[in-house]
Amino acid sequence: RAKRTVSSIRFDQPGDVATVLRVLYLVF
């Protein structure tokens, strides 16, 4: 669903720090 959502949009609005931190935490 996430891929479908972003398949037709421009990536010109970066997300927030909290979401990126969550990703880095899970990757670690």
mmCIF file of all heavy atoms, coordinates in Angstrom:
data_MODEL
# 
_entry.id   MODEL 
# 
loop_
_atom_site.group_PDB 
_atom_site.id 
_atom_site.type_symbol 
_atom_site.label_atom_id 
_atom_site.label_alt_id 
_atom_site.label_comp_id 
_atom_site.label_asym_id 
_atom_site.label_entity_id 
_atom_site.label_seq_id 
_atom_site.pdbx_PDB_ins_code 
_atom_site.Cartn_x 
_atom_site.Cartn_y 
_atom_site.Cartn_z 
_atom_site.occupancy 
_atom_site.B_iso_or_equiv 
_atom_site.pdbx_formal_charge 
_atom_site.auth_seq_id 
_atom_site.auth_comp_id 
_atom_site.auth_asym_id 
_atom_site.auth_atom_id 
_atom_site.pdbx_PDB_model_num 
ATOM 1   N N   . ARG A 1 1  ? 0.831  -1.209 0.000   1.00 0.00 ? 1  ARG A N   1 
ATOM 2   C CA  . ARG A 1 1  ? 0.000  0.000  0.000   1.00 0.00 ? 1  ARG A CA  1 
ATOM 3   C C   . ARG A 1 1  ? 0.861  1.252  0.000   1.00 0.00 ? 1  ARG A C   1 
ATOM 4   O O   . ARG A 1 1  ? 0.541  2.240  -0.683  1.00 0.00 ? 1  ARG A O   1 
ATOM 5   C CB  . ARG A 1 1  ? -0.938 -0.003 1.215   1.00 0.00 ? 1  ARG A CB  1 
ATOM 6   C CG  . ARG A 1 1  ? -2.102 -0.972 1.109   1.00 0.00 ? 1  ARG A CG  1 
ATOM 7   C CD  . ARG A 1 1  ? -3.167 -0.648 2.142   1.00 0.00 ? 1  ARG A CD  1 
ATOM 8   N NE  . ARG A 1 1  ? -2.650 -0.742 3.505   1.00 0.00 ? 1  ARG A NE  1 
ATOM 9   C CZ  . ARG A 1 1  ? -2.710 -1.847 4.239   1.00 0.00 ? 1  ARG A CZ  1 
ATOM 10  N NH1 . ARG A 1 1  ? -3.244 -2.946 3.737   1.00 0.00 ? 1  ARG A NH1 1 
ATOM 11  N NH2 . ARG A 1 1  ? -2.238 -1.848 5.481   1.00 0.00 ? 1  ARG A NH2 1 
ATOM 12  N N   . ALA A 1 2  ? 1.951  1.228  0.766   1.00 0.00 ? 2  ALA A N   1 
ATOM 13  C CA  . ALA A 1 2  ? 2.838  2.391  0.807   1.00 0.00 ? 2  ALA A CA  1 
ATOM 14  C C   . ALA A 1 2  ? 3.449  2.643  -0.567  1.00 0.00 ? 2  ALA A C   1 
ATOM 15  O O   . ALA A 1 2  ? 3.543  3.789  -1.027  1.00 0.00 ? 2  ALA A O   1 
ATOM 16  C CB  . ALA A 1 2  ? 3.932  2.182  1.852   1.00 0.00 ? 2  ALA A CB  1 
ATOM 17  N N   . LYS A 1 3  ? 3.851  1.574  -1.247  1.00 0.00 ? 3  LYS A N   1 
ATOM 18  C CA  . LYS A 1 3  ? 4.431  1.723  -2.590  1.00 0.00 ? 3  LYS A CA  1 
ATOM 19  C C   . LYS A 1 3  ? 3.410  2.297  -3.557  1.00 0.00 ? 3  LYS A C   1 
ATOM 20  O O   . LYS A 1 3  ? 3.730  3.153  -4.388  1.00 0.00 ? 3  LYS A O   1 
ATOM 21  C CB  . LYS A 1 3  ? 4.944  0.374  -3.090  1.00 0.00 ? 3  LYS A CB  1 
ATOM 22  C CG  . LYS A 1 3  ? 6.201  -0.119 -2.390  1.00 0.00 ? 3  LYS A CG  1 
ATOM 23  C CD  . LYS A 1 3  ? 6.617  -1.486 -2.912  1.00 0.00 ? 3  LYS A CD  1 
ATOM 24  C CE  . LYS A 1 3  ? 7.895  -1.966 -2.253  1.00 0.00 ? 3  LYS A CE  1 
ATOM 25  N NZ  . LYS A 1 3  ? 8.282  -3.320 -2.716  1.00 0.00 ? 3  LYS A NZ  1 
ATOM 26  N N   . ARG A 1 4  ? 2.169  1.811  -3.461  1.00 0.00 ? 4  ARG A N   1 
ATOM 27  C CA  . ARG A 1 4  ? 1.122  2.342  -4.342  1.00 0.00 ? 4  ARG A CA  1 
ATOM 28  C C   . ARG A 1 4  ? 0.877  3.818  -4.069  1.00 0.00 ? 4  ARG A C   1 
ATOM 29  O O   . ARG A 1 4  ? 0.666  4.614  -4.992  1.00 0.00 ? 4  ARG A O   1 
ATOM 30  C CB  . ARG A 1 4  ? -0.169 1.551  -4.165  1.00 0.00 ? 4  ARG A CB  1 
ATOM 31  C CG  . ARG A 1 4  ? -0.148 0.164  -4.782  1.00 0.00 ? 4  ARG A CG  1 
ATOM 32  C CD  . ARG A 1 4  ? -1.554 -0.387 -4.924  1.00 0.00 ? 4  ARG A CD  1 
ATOM 33  N NE  . ARG A 1 4  ? -2.200 -0.575 -3.632  1.00 0.00 ? 4  ARG A NE  1 
ATOM 34  C CZ  . ARG A 1 4  ? -2.132 -1.688 -2.913  1.00 0.00 ? 4  ARG A CZ  1 
ATOM 35  N NH1 . ARG A 1 4  ? -1.436 -2.721 -3.375  1.00 0.00 ? 4  ARG A NH1 1 
ATOM 36  N NH2 . ARG A 1 4  ? -2.758 -1.787 -1.752  1.00 0.00 ? 4  ARG A NH2 1 
ATOM 37  N N   . THR A 1 5  ? 0.921  4.181  -2.781  1.00 0.00 ? 5  THR A N   1 
ATOM 38  C CA  . THR A 1 5  ? 0.648  5.575  -2.415  1.00 0.00 ? 5  THR A CA  1 
ATOM 39  C C   . THR A 1 5  ? 1.684  6.518  -3.010  1.00 0.00 ? 5  THR A C   1 
ATOM 40  O O   . THR A 1 5  ? 1.347  7.604  -3.511  1.00 0.00 ? 5  THR A O   1 
ATOM 41  C CB  . THR A 1 5  ? 0.638  5.725  -0.878  1.00 0.00 ? 5  THR A CB  1 
ATOM 42  O OG1 . THR A 1 5  ? -0.412 4.914  -0.345  1.00 0.00 ? 5  THR A OG1 1 
ATOM 43  C CG2 . THR A 1 5  ? 0.412  7.185  -0.473  1.00 0.00 ? 5  THR A CG2 1 
ATOM 44  N N   . VAL A 1 6  ? 2.953  6.109  -2.969  1.00 0.00 ? 6  VAL A N   1 
ATOM 45  C CA  . VAL A 1 6  ? 4.015  7.019  -3.403  1.00 0.00 ? 6  VAL A CA  1 
ATOM 46  C C   . VAL A 1 6  ? 4.379  6.845  -4.879  1.00 0.00 ? 6  VAL A C   1 
ATOM 47  O O   . VAL A 1 6  ? 5.225  7.578  -5.392  1.00 0.00 ? 6  VAL A O   1 
ATOM 48  C CB  . VAL A 1 6  ? 5.295  6.827  -2.552  1.00 0.00 ? 6  VAL A CB  1 
ATOM 49  C CG1 . VAL A 1 6  ? 4.998  7.069  -1.086  1.00 0.00 ? 6  VAL A CG1 1 
ATOM 50  C CG2 . VAL A 1 6  ? 5.881  5.436  -2.756  1.00 0.00 ? 6  VAL A CG2 1 
ATOM 51  N N   . SER A 1 7  ? 3.734  5.895  -5.569  1.00 0.00 ? 7  SER A N   1 
ATOM 52  C CA  . SER A 1 7  ? 4.128  5.617  -6.959  1.00 0.00 ? 7  SER A CA  1 
ATOM 53  C C   . SER A 1 7  ? 3.861  6.773  -7.904  1.00 0.00 ? 7  SER A C   1 
ATOM 54  O O   . SER A 1 7  ? 4.504  6.894  -8.941  1.00 0.00 ? 7  SER A O   1 
ATOM 55  C CB  . SER A 1 7  ? 3.402  4.362  -7.468  1.00 0.00 ? 7  SER A CB  1 
ATOM 56  O OG  . SER A 1 7  ? 2.002  4.570  -7.480  1.00 0.00 ? 7  SER A OG  1 
ATOM 57  N N   . SER A 1 8  ? 2.915  7.653  -7.544  1.00 0.00 ? 8  SER A N   1 
ATOM 58  C CA  . SER A 1 8  ? 2.554  8.735  -8.464  1.00 0.00 ? 8  SER A CA  1 
ATOM 59  C C   . SER A 1 8  ? 2.793  10.119 -7.883  1.00 0.00 ? 8  SER A C   1 
ATOM 60  O O   . SER A 1 8  ? 2.238  11.105 -8.367  1.00 0.00 ? 8  SER A O   1 
ATOM 61  C CB  . SER A 1 8  ? 1.075  8.602  -8.851  1.00 0.00 ? 8  SER A CB  1 
ATOM 62  O OG  . SER A 1 8  ? 0.251  8.675  -7.700  1.00 0.00 ? 8  SER A OG  1 
ATOM 63  N N   . ILE A 1 9  ? 3.626  10.225 -6.814  1.00 0.00 ? 9  ILE A N   1 
ATOM 64  C CA  . ILE A 1 9  ? 3.865  11.535 -6.205  1.00 0.00 ? 9  ILE A CA  1 
ATOM 65  C C   . ILE A 1 9  ? 5.323  11.909 -6.333  1.00 0.00 ? 9  ILE A C   1 
ATOM 66  O O   . ILE A 1 9  ? 6.187  11.077 -6.562  1.00 0.00 ? 9  ILE A O   1 
ATOM 67  C CB  . ILE A 1 9  ? 3.460  11.542 -4.706  1.00 0.00 ? 9  ILE A CB  1 
ATOM 68  C CG1 . ILE A 1 9  ? 4.307  10.526 -3.926  1.00 0.00 ? 9  ILE A CG1 1 
ATOM 69  C CG2 . ILE A 1 9  ? 1.990  11.266 -4.538  1.00 0.00 ? 9  ILE A CG2 1 
ATOM 70  C CD1 . ILE A 1 9  ? 4.045  10.533 -2.444  1.00 0.00 ? 9  ILE A CD1 1 
ATOM 71  N N   . ARG A 1 10 ? 5.604  13.181 -6.193  1.00 0.00 ? 10 ARG A N   1 
ATOM 72  C CA  . ARG A 1 10 ? 6.972  13.681 -6.233  1.00 0.00 ? 10 ARG A CA  1 
ATOM 73  C C   . ARG A 1 10 ? 7.542  13.674 -4.814  1.00 0.00 ? 10 ARG A C   1 
ATOM 74  O O   . ARG A 1 10 ? 6.879  14.063 -3.876  1.00 0.00 ? 10 ARG A O   1 
ATOM 75  C CB  . ARG A 1 10 ? 7.014  15.114 -6.777  1.00 0.00 ? 10 ARG A CB  1 
ATOM 76  C CG  . ARG A 1 10 ? 6.691  15.220 -8.246  1.00 0.00 ? 10 ARG A CG  1 
ATOM 77  C CD  . ARG A 1 10 ? 6.668  16.693 -8.664  1.00 0.00 ? 10 ARG A CD  1 
ATOM 78  N NE  . ARG A 1 10 ? 7.906  17.360 -8.364  1.00 0.00 ? 10 ARG A NE  1 
ATOM 79  C CZ  . ARG A 1 10 ? 8.980  17.331 -9.156  1.00 0.00 ? 10 ARG A CZ  1 
ATOM 80  N NH1 . ARG A 1 10 ? 8.933  16.664 -10.286 1.00 0.00 ? 10 ARG A NH1 1 
ATOM 81  N NH2 . ARG A 1 10 ? 10.076 17.965 -8.834  1.00 0.00 ? 10 ARG A NH2 1 
ATOM 82  N N   . PHE A 1 11 ? 8.779  13.212 -4.703  1.00 0.00 ? 11 PHE A N   1 
ATOM 83  C CA  . PHE A 1 11 ? 9.427  13.166 -3.395  1.00 0.00 ? 11 PHE A CA  1 
ATOM 84  C C   . PHE A 1 11 ? 10.117 14.496 -3.113  1.00 0.00 ? 11 PHE A C   1 
ATOM 85  O O   . PHE A 1 11 ? 11.335 14.600 -3.080  1.00 0.00 ? 11 PHE A O   1 
ATOM 86  C CB  . PHE A 1 11 ? 10.432 12.017 -3.353  1.00 0.00 ? 11 PHE A CB  1 
ATOM 87  C CG  . PHE A 1 11 ? 9.804  10.684 -3.198  1.00 0.00 ? 11 PHE A CG  1 
ATOM 88  C CD1 . PHE A 1 11 ? 9.480  9.920  -4.308  1.00 0.00 ? 11 PHE A CD1 1 
ATOM 89  C CD2 . PHE A 1 11 ? 9.513  10.193 -1.944  1.00 0.00 ? 11 PHE A CD2 1 
ATOM 90  C CE1 . PHE A 1 11 ? 8.900  8.676  -4.153  1.00 0.00 ? 11 PHE A CE1 1 
ATOM 91  C CE2 . PHE A 1 11 ? 8.935  8.948  -1.770  1.00 0.00 ? 11 PHE A CE2 1 
ATOM 92  C CZ  . PHE A 1 11 ? 8.616  8.192  -2.882  1.00 0.00 ? 11 PHE A CZ  1 
ATOM 93  N N   . ASP A 1 12 ? 9.286  15.538 -2.947  1.00 0.00 ? 12 ASP A N   1 
ATOM 94  C CA  . ASP A 1 12 ? 9.852  16.853 -2.677  1.00 0.00 ? 12 ASP A CA  1 
ATOM 95  C C   . ASP A 1 12 ? 9.450  17.369 -1.303  1.00 0.00 ? 12 ASP A C   1 
ATOM 96  O O   . ASP A 1 12 ? 9.671  18.517 -0.970  1.00 0.00 ? 12 ASP A O   1 
ATOM 97  C CB  . ASP A 1 12 ? 9.418  17.848 -3.763  1.00 0.00 ? 12 ASP A CB  1 
ATOM 98  C CG  . ASP A 1 12 ? 7.907  17.900 -3.940  1.00 0.00 ? 12 ASP A CG  1 
ATOM 99  O OD1 . ASP A 1 12 ? 7.199  17.184 -3.184  1.00 0.00 ? 12 ASP A OD1 1 
ATOM 100 O OD2 . ASP A 1 12 ? 7.444  18.628 -4.826  1.00 0.00 ? 12 ASP A OD2 1 
ATOM 101 N N   . GLN A 1 13 ? 8.815  16.509 -0.492  1.00 0.00 ? 13 GLN A N   1 
ATOM 102 C CA  . GLN A 1 13 ? 8.446  16.876 0.868   1.00 0.00 ? 13 GLN A CA  1 
ATOM 103 C C   . GLN A 1 13 ? 9.008  15.830 1.823   1.00 0.00 ? 13 GLN A C   1 
ATOM 104 O O   . GLN A 1 13 ? 8.388  14.802 2.057   1.00 0.00 ? 13 GLN A O   1 
ATOM 105 C CB  . GLN A 1 13 ? 6.926  16.940 1.014   1.00 0.00 ? 13 GLN A CB  1 
ATOM 106 C CG  . GLN A 1 13 ? 6.266  18.078 0.263   1.00 0.00 ? 13 GLN A CG  1 
ATOM 107 C CD  . GLN A 1 13 ? 4.766  18.044 0.497   1.00 0.00 ? 13 GLN A CD  1 
ATOM 108 O OE1 . GLN A 1 13 ? 4.036  17.285 -0.140  1.00 0.00 ? 13 GLN A OE1 1 
ATOM 109 N NE2 . GLN A 1 13 ? 4.305  18.839 1.435   1.00 0.00 ? 13 GLN A NE2 1 
ATOM 110 N N   . PRO A 1 14 ? 10.193 16.034 2.345   1.00 0.00 ? 14 PRO A N   1 
ATOM 111 C CA  . PRO A 1 14 ? 10.781 15.024 3.213   1.00 0.00 ? 14 PRO A CA  1 
ATOM 112 C C   . PRO A 1 14 ? 9.981  14.834 4.494   1.00 0.00 ? 14 PRO A C   1 
ATOM 113 O O   . PRO A 1 14 ? 9.294  15.737 4.962   1.00 0.00 ? 14 PRO A O   1 
ATOM 114 C CB  . PRO A 1 14 ? 12.182 15.571 3.509   1.00 0.00 ? 14 PRO A CB  1 
ATOM 115 C CG  . PRO A 1 14 ? 12.077 17.038 3.273   1.00 0.00 ? 14 PRO A CG  1 
ATOM 116 C CD  . PRO A 1 14 ? 11.070 17.205 2.175   1.00 0.00 ? 14 PRO A CD  1 
ATOM 117 N N   . GLY A 1 15 ? 10.090 13.644 5.059   1.00 0.00 ? 15 GLY A N   1 
ATOM 118 C CA  . GLY A 1 15 ? 9.375  13.337 6.286   1.00 0.00 ? 15 GLY A CA  1 
ATOM 119 C C   . GLY A 1 15 ? 10.030 13.954 7.511   1.00 0.00 ? 15 GLY A C   1 
ATOM 120 O O   . GLY A 1 15 ? 11.037 14.649 7.422   1.00 0.00 ? 15 GLY A O   1 
ATOM 121 N N   . ASP A 1 16 ? 9.458  13.645 8.684   1.00 0.00 ? 16 ASP A N   1 
ATOM 122 C CA  . ASP A 1 16 ? 9.948  14.292 9.901   1.00 0.00 ? 16 ASP A CA  1 
ATOM 123 C C   . ASP A 1 16 ? 11.024 13.442 10.579  1.00 0.00 ? 16 ASP A C   1 
ATOM 124 O O   . ASP A 1 16 ? 11.234 12.270 10.254  1.00 0.00 ? 16 ASP A O   1 
ATOM 125 C CB  . ASP A 1 16 ? 8.795  14.575 10.856  1.00 0.00 ? 16 ASP A CB  1 
ATOM 126 C CG  . ASP A 1 16 ? 8.133  13.295 11.360  1.00 0.00 ? 16 ASP A CG  1 
ATOM 127 O OD1 . ASP A 1 16 ? 8.508  12.194 10.914  1.00 0.00 ? 16 ASP A OD1 1 
ATOM 128 O OD2 . ASP A 1 16 ? 7.241  13.418 12.208  1.00 0.00 ? 16 ASP A OD2 1 
ATOM 129 N N   . VAL A 1 17 ? 11.687 14.073 11.535  1.00 0.00 ? 17 VAL A N   1 
ATOM 130 C CA  . VAL A 1 17 ? 12.805 13.432 12.218  1.00 0.00 ? 17 VAL A CA  1 
ATOM 131 C C   . VAL A 1 17 ? 12.338 12.199 12.989  1.00 0.00 ? 17 VAL A C   1 
ATOM 132 O O   . VAL A 1 17 ? 13.026 11.172 13.009  1.00 0.00 ? 17 VAL A O   1 
ATOM 133 C CB  . VAL A 1 17 ? 13.486 14.435 13.174  1.00 0.00 ? 17 VAL A CB  1 
ATOM 134 C CG1 . VAL A 1 17 ? 14.514 13.734 14.058  1.00 0.00 ? 17 VAL A CG1 1 
ATOM 135 C CG2 . VAL A 1 17 ? 14.159 15.543 12.379  1.00 0.00 ? 17 VAL A CG2 1 
ATOM 136 N N   . ALA A 1 18 ? 11.167 12.273 13.618  1.00 0.00 ? 18 ALA A N   1 
ATOM 137 C CA  . ALA A 1 18 ? 10.698 11.162 14.448  1.00 0.00 ? 18 ALA A CA  1 
ATOM 138 C C   . ALA A 1 18 ? 10.568 9.877  13.643  1.00 0.00 ? 18 ALA A C   1 
ATOM 139 O O   . ALA A 1 18 ? 10.940 8.793  14.116  1.00 0.00 ? 18 ALA A O   1 
ATOM 140 C CB  . ALA A 1 18 ? 9.364  11.526 15.099  1.00 0.00 ? 18 ALA A CB  1 
ATOM 141 N N   . THR A 1 19 ? 10.051 9.977  12.414  1.00 0.00 ? 19 THR A N   1 
ATOM 142 C CA  . THR A 1 19 ? 9.894  8.787  11.583  1.00 0.00 ? 19 THR A CA  1 
ATOM 143 C C   . THR A 1 19 ? 11.257 8.227  11.185  1.00 0.00 ? 19 THR A C   1 
ATOM 144 O O   . THR A 1 19 ? 11.483 7.012  11.209  1.00 0.00 ? 19 THR A O   1 
ATOM 145 C CB  . THR A 1 19 ? 9.068  9.107  10.328  1.00 0.00 ? 19 THR A CB  1 
ATOM 146 O OG1 . THR A 1 19 ? 7.781  9.583  10.727  1.00 0.00 ? 19 THR A OG1 1 
ATOM 147 C CG2 . THR A 1 19 ? 8.891  7.885  9.457   1.00 0.00 ? 19 THR A CG2 1 
ATOM 148 N N   . VAL A 1 20 ? 12.180 9.095  10.817  1.00 0.00 ? 20 VAL A N   1 
ATOM 149 C CA  . VAL A 1 20 ? 13.522 8.644  10.435  1.00 0.00 ? 20 VAL A CA  1 
ATOM 150 C C   . VAL A 1 20 ? 14.225 7.989  11.627  1.00 0.00 ? 20 VAL A C   1 
ATOM 151 O O   . VAL A 1 20 ? 14.902 6.965  11.475  1.00 0.00 ? 20 VAL A O   1 
ATOM 152 C CB  . VAL A 1 20 ? 14.353 9.822  9.885   1.00 0.00 ? 20 VAL A CB  1 
ATOM 153 C CG1 . VAL A 1 20 ? 15.793 9.398  9.631   1.00 0.00 ? 20 VAL A CG1 1 
ATOM 154 C CG2 . VAL A 1 20 ? 13.725 10.345 8.601   1.00 0.00 ? 20 VAL A CG2 1 
ATOM 155 N N   . LEU A 1 21 ? 14.038 8.539  12.824  1.00 0.00 ? 21 LEU A N   1 
ATOM 156 C CA  . LEU A 1 21 ? 14.627 7.930  14.017  1.00 0.00 ? 21 LEU A CA  1 
ATOM 157 C C   . LEU A 1 21 ? 14.085 6.522  14.233  1.00 0.00 ? 21 LEU A C   1 
ATOM 158 O O   . LEU A 1 21 ? 14.832 5.603  14.598  1.00 0.00 ? 21 LEU A O   1 
ATOM 159 C CB  . LEU A 1 21 ? 14.335 8.786  15.253  1.00 0.00 ? 21 LEU A CB  1 
ATOM 160 C CG  . LEU A 1 21 ? 15.133 10.079 15.412  1.00 0.00 ? 21 LEU A CG  1 
ATOM 161 C CD1 . LEU A 1 21 ? 14.704 10.800 16.686  1.00 0.00 ? 21 LEU A CD1 1 
ATOM 162 C CD2 . LEU A 1 21 ? 16.624 9.796  15.456  1.00 0.00 ? 21 LEU A CD2 1 
ATOM 163 N N   . ARG A 1 22 ? 12.785 6.355  14.024  1.00 0.00 ? 22 ARG A N   1 
ATOM 164 C CA  . ARG A 1 22 ? 12.193 5.025  14.195  1.00 0.00 ? 22 ARG A CA  1 
ATOM 165 C C   . ARG A 1 22 ? 12.817 4.029  13.220  1.00 0.00 ? 22 ARG A C   1 
ATOM 166 O O   . ARG A 1 22 ? 13.096 2.881  13.577  1.00 0.00 ? 22 ARG A O   1 
ATOM 167 C CB  . ARG A 1 22 ? 10.681 5.119  13.981  1.00 0.00 ? 22 ARG A CB  1 
ATOM 168 C CG  . ARG A 1 22 ? 9.920  3.807  14.099  1.00 0.00 ? 22 ARG A CG  1 
ATOM 169 C CD  . ARG A 1 22 ? 10.006 3.211  15.468  1.00 0.00 ? 22 ARG A CD  1 
ATOM 170 N NE  . ARG A 1 22 ? 9.687  4.154  16.514  1.00 0.00 ? 22 ARG A NE  1 
ATOM 171 C CZ  . ARG A 1 22 ? 9.854  3.938  17.798  1.00 0.00 ? 22 ARG A CZ  1 
ATOM 172 N NH1 . ARG A 1 22 ? 10.372 2.798  18.196  1.00 0.00 ? 22 ARG A NH1 1 
ATOM 173 N NH2 . ARG A 1 22 ? 9.541  4.863  18.696  1.00 0.00 ? 22 ARG A NH2 1 
ATOM 174 N N   . VAL A 1 23 ? 13.039 4.458  11.991  1.00 0.00 ? 23 VAL A N   1 
ATOM 175 C CA  . VAL A 1 23 ? 13.660 3.583  11.002  1.00 0.00 ? 23 VAL A CA  1 
ATOM 176 C C   . VAL A 1 23 ? 15.080 3.219  11.432  1.00 0.00 ? 23 VAL A C   1 
ATOM 177 O O   . VAL A 1 23 ? 15.474 2.046  11.427  1.00 0.00 ? 23 VAL A O   1 
ATOM 178 C CB  . VAL A 1 23 ? 13.686 4.244  9.614   1.00 0.00 ? 23 VAL A CB  1 
ATOM 179 C CG1 . VAL A 1 23 ? 14.400 3.352  8.609   1.00 0.00 ? 23 VAL A CG1 1 
ATOM 180 C CG2 . VAL A 1 23 ? 12.271 4.522  9.126   1.00 0.00 ? 23 VAL A CG2 1 
ATOM 181 N N   . LEU A 1 24 ? 15.866 4.211  11.821  1.00 0.00 ? 24 LEU A N   1 
ATOM 182 C CA  . LEU A 1 24 ? 17.247 3.955  12.225  1.00 0.00 ? 24 LEU A CA  1 
ATOM 183 C C   . LEU A 1 24 ? 17.304 3.021  13.430  1.00 0.00 ? 24 LEU A C   1 
ATOM 184 O O   . LEU A 1 24 ? 18.173 2.144  13.516  1.00 0.00 ? 24 LEU A O   1 
ATOM 185 C CB  . LEU A 1 24 ? 17.948 5.279  12.541  1.00 0.00 ? 24 LEU A CB  1 
ATOM 186 C CG  . LEU A 1 24 ? 18.252 6.172  11.334  1.00 0.00 ? 24 LEU A CG  1 
ATOM 187 C CD1 . LEU A 1 24 ? 18.683 7.560  11.797  1.00 0.00 ? 24 LEU A CD1 1 
ATOM 188 C CD2 . LEU A 1 24 ? 19.326 5.543  10.456  1.00 0.00 ? 24 LEU A CD2 1 
ATOM 189 N N   . TYR A 1 25 ? 16.378 3.201  14.345  1.00 0.00 ? 25 TYR A N   1 
ATOM 190 C CA  . TYR A 1 25 ? 16.313 2.343  15.540  1.00 0.00 ? 25 TYR A CA  1 
ATOM 191 C C   . TYR A 1 25 ? 16.065 0.887  15.149  1.00 0.00 ? 25 TYR A C   1 
ATOM 192 O O   . TYR A 1 25 ? 16.737 -0.029 15.640  1.00 0.00 ? 25 TYR A O   1 
ATOM 193 C CB  . TYR A 1 25 ? 15.189 2.859  16.444  1.00 0.00 ? 25 TYR A CB  1 
ATOM 194 C CG  . TYR A 1 25 ? 14.889 2.013  17.655  1.00 0.00 ? 25 TYR A CG  1 
ATOM 195 C CD1 . TYR A 1 25 ? 15.813 1.873  18.679  1.00 0.00 ? 25 TYR A CD1 1 
ATOM 196 C CD2 . TYR A 1 25 ? 13.654 1.375  17.786  1.00 0.00 ? 25 TYR A CD2 1 
ATOM 197 C CE1 . TYR A 1 25 ? 15.524 1.112  19.807  1.00 0.00 ? 25 TYR A CE1 1 
ATOM 198 C CE2 . TYR A 1 25 ? 13.363 0.615  18.901  1.00 0.00 ? 25 TYR A CE2 1 
ATOM 199 C CZ  . TYR A 1 25 ? 14.293 0.490  19.911  1.00 0.00 ? 25 TYR A CZ  1 
ATOM 200 O OH  . TYR A 1 25 ? 14.009 -0.260 21.021  1.00 0.00 ? 25 TYR A OH  1 
ATOM 201 N N   . LEU A 1 26 ? 15.106 0.666  14.235  1.00 0.00 ? 26 LEU A N   1 
ATOM 202 C CA  . LEU A 1 26 ? 14.790 -0.693 13.819  1.00 0.00 ? 26 LEU A CA  1 
ATOM 203 C C   . LEU A 1 26 ? 15.916 -1.306 12.990  1.00 0.00 ? 26 LEU A C   1 
ATOM 204 O O   . LEU A 1 26 ? 16.200 -2.505 13.090  1.00 0.00 ? 26 LEU A O   1 
ATOM 205 C CB  . LEU A 1 26 ? 13.473 -0.715 13.044  1.00 0.00 ? 26 LEU A CB  1 
ATOM 206 C CG  . LEU A 1 26 ? 12.225 -0.383 13.881  1.00 0.00 ? 26 LEU A CG  1 
ATOM 207 C CD1 . LEU A 1 26 ? 10.993 -0.289 12.993  1.00 0.00 ? 26 LEU A CD1 1 
ATOM 208 C CD2 . LEU A 1 26 ? 12.013 -1.422 14.973  1.00 0.00 ? 26 LEU A CD2 1 
ATOM 209 N N   . VAL A 1 27 ? 16.556 -0.496 12.154  1.00 0.00 ? 27 VAL A N   1 
ATOM 210 C CA  . VAL A 1 27 ? 17.705 -0.992 11.386  1.00 0.00 ? 27 VAL A CA  1 
ATOM 211 C C   . VAL A 1 27 ? 18.818 -1.417 12.343  1.00 0.00 ? 27 VAL A C   1 
ATOM 212 O O   . VAL A 1 27 ? 19.427 -2.485 12.181  1.00 0.00 ? 27 VAL A O   1 
ATOM 213 C CB  . VAL A 1 27 ? 18.213 0.085  10.402  1.00 0.00 ? 27 VAL A CB  1 
ATOM 214 C CG1 . VAL A 1 27 ? 19.561 -0.316 9.809   1.00 0.00 ? 27 VAL A CG1 1 
ATOM 215 C CG2 . VAL A 1 27 ? 17.200 0.292  9.279   1.00 0.00 ? 27 VAL A CG2 1 
ATOM 216 N N   . PHE A 1 28 ? 19.088 -0.606 13.344  1.00 0.00 ? 28 PHE A N   1 
ATOM 217 C CA  . PHE A 1 28 ? 20.129 -0.954 14.315  1.00 0.00 ? 28 PHE A CA  1 
ATOM 218 C C   . PHE A 1 28 ? 19.773 -2.236 15.051  1.00 0.00 ? 28 PHE A C   1 
ATOM 219 O O   . PHE A 1 28 ? 20.617 -3.120 15.228  1.00 0.00 ? 28 PHE A O   1 
ATOM 220 C CB  . PHE A 1 28 ? 20.319 0.179  15.328  1.00 0.00 ? 28 PHE A CB  1 
ATOM 221 C CG  . PHE A 1 28 ? 21.325 -0.149 16.403  1.00 0.00 ? 28 PHE A CG  1 
ATOM 222 C CD1 . PHE A 1 28 ? 22.678 -0.006 16.164  1.00 0.00 ? 28 PHE A CD1 1 
ATOM 223 C CD2 . PHE A 1 28 ? 20.914 -0.603 17.647  1.00 0.00 ? 28 PHE A CD2 1 
ATOM 224 C CE1 . PHE A 1 28 ? 23.614 -0.315 17.149  1.00 0.00 ? 28 PHE A CE1 1 
ATOM 225 C CE2 . PHE A 1 28 ? 21.835 -0.923 18.638  1.00 0.00 ? 28 PHE A CE2 1 
ATOM 226 C CZ  . PHE A 1 28 ? 23.195 -0.778 18.382  1.00 0.00 ? 28 PHE A CZ  1 
# 
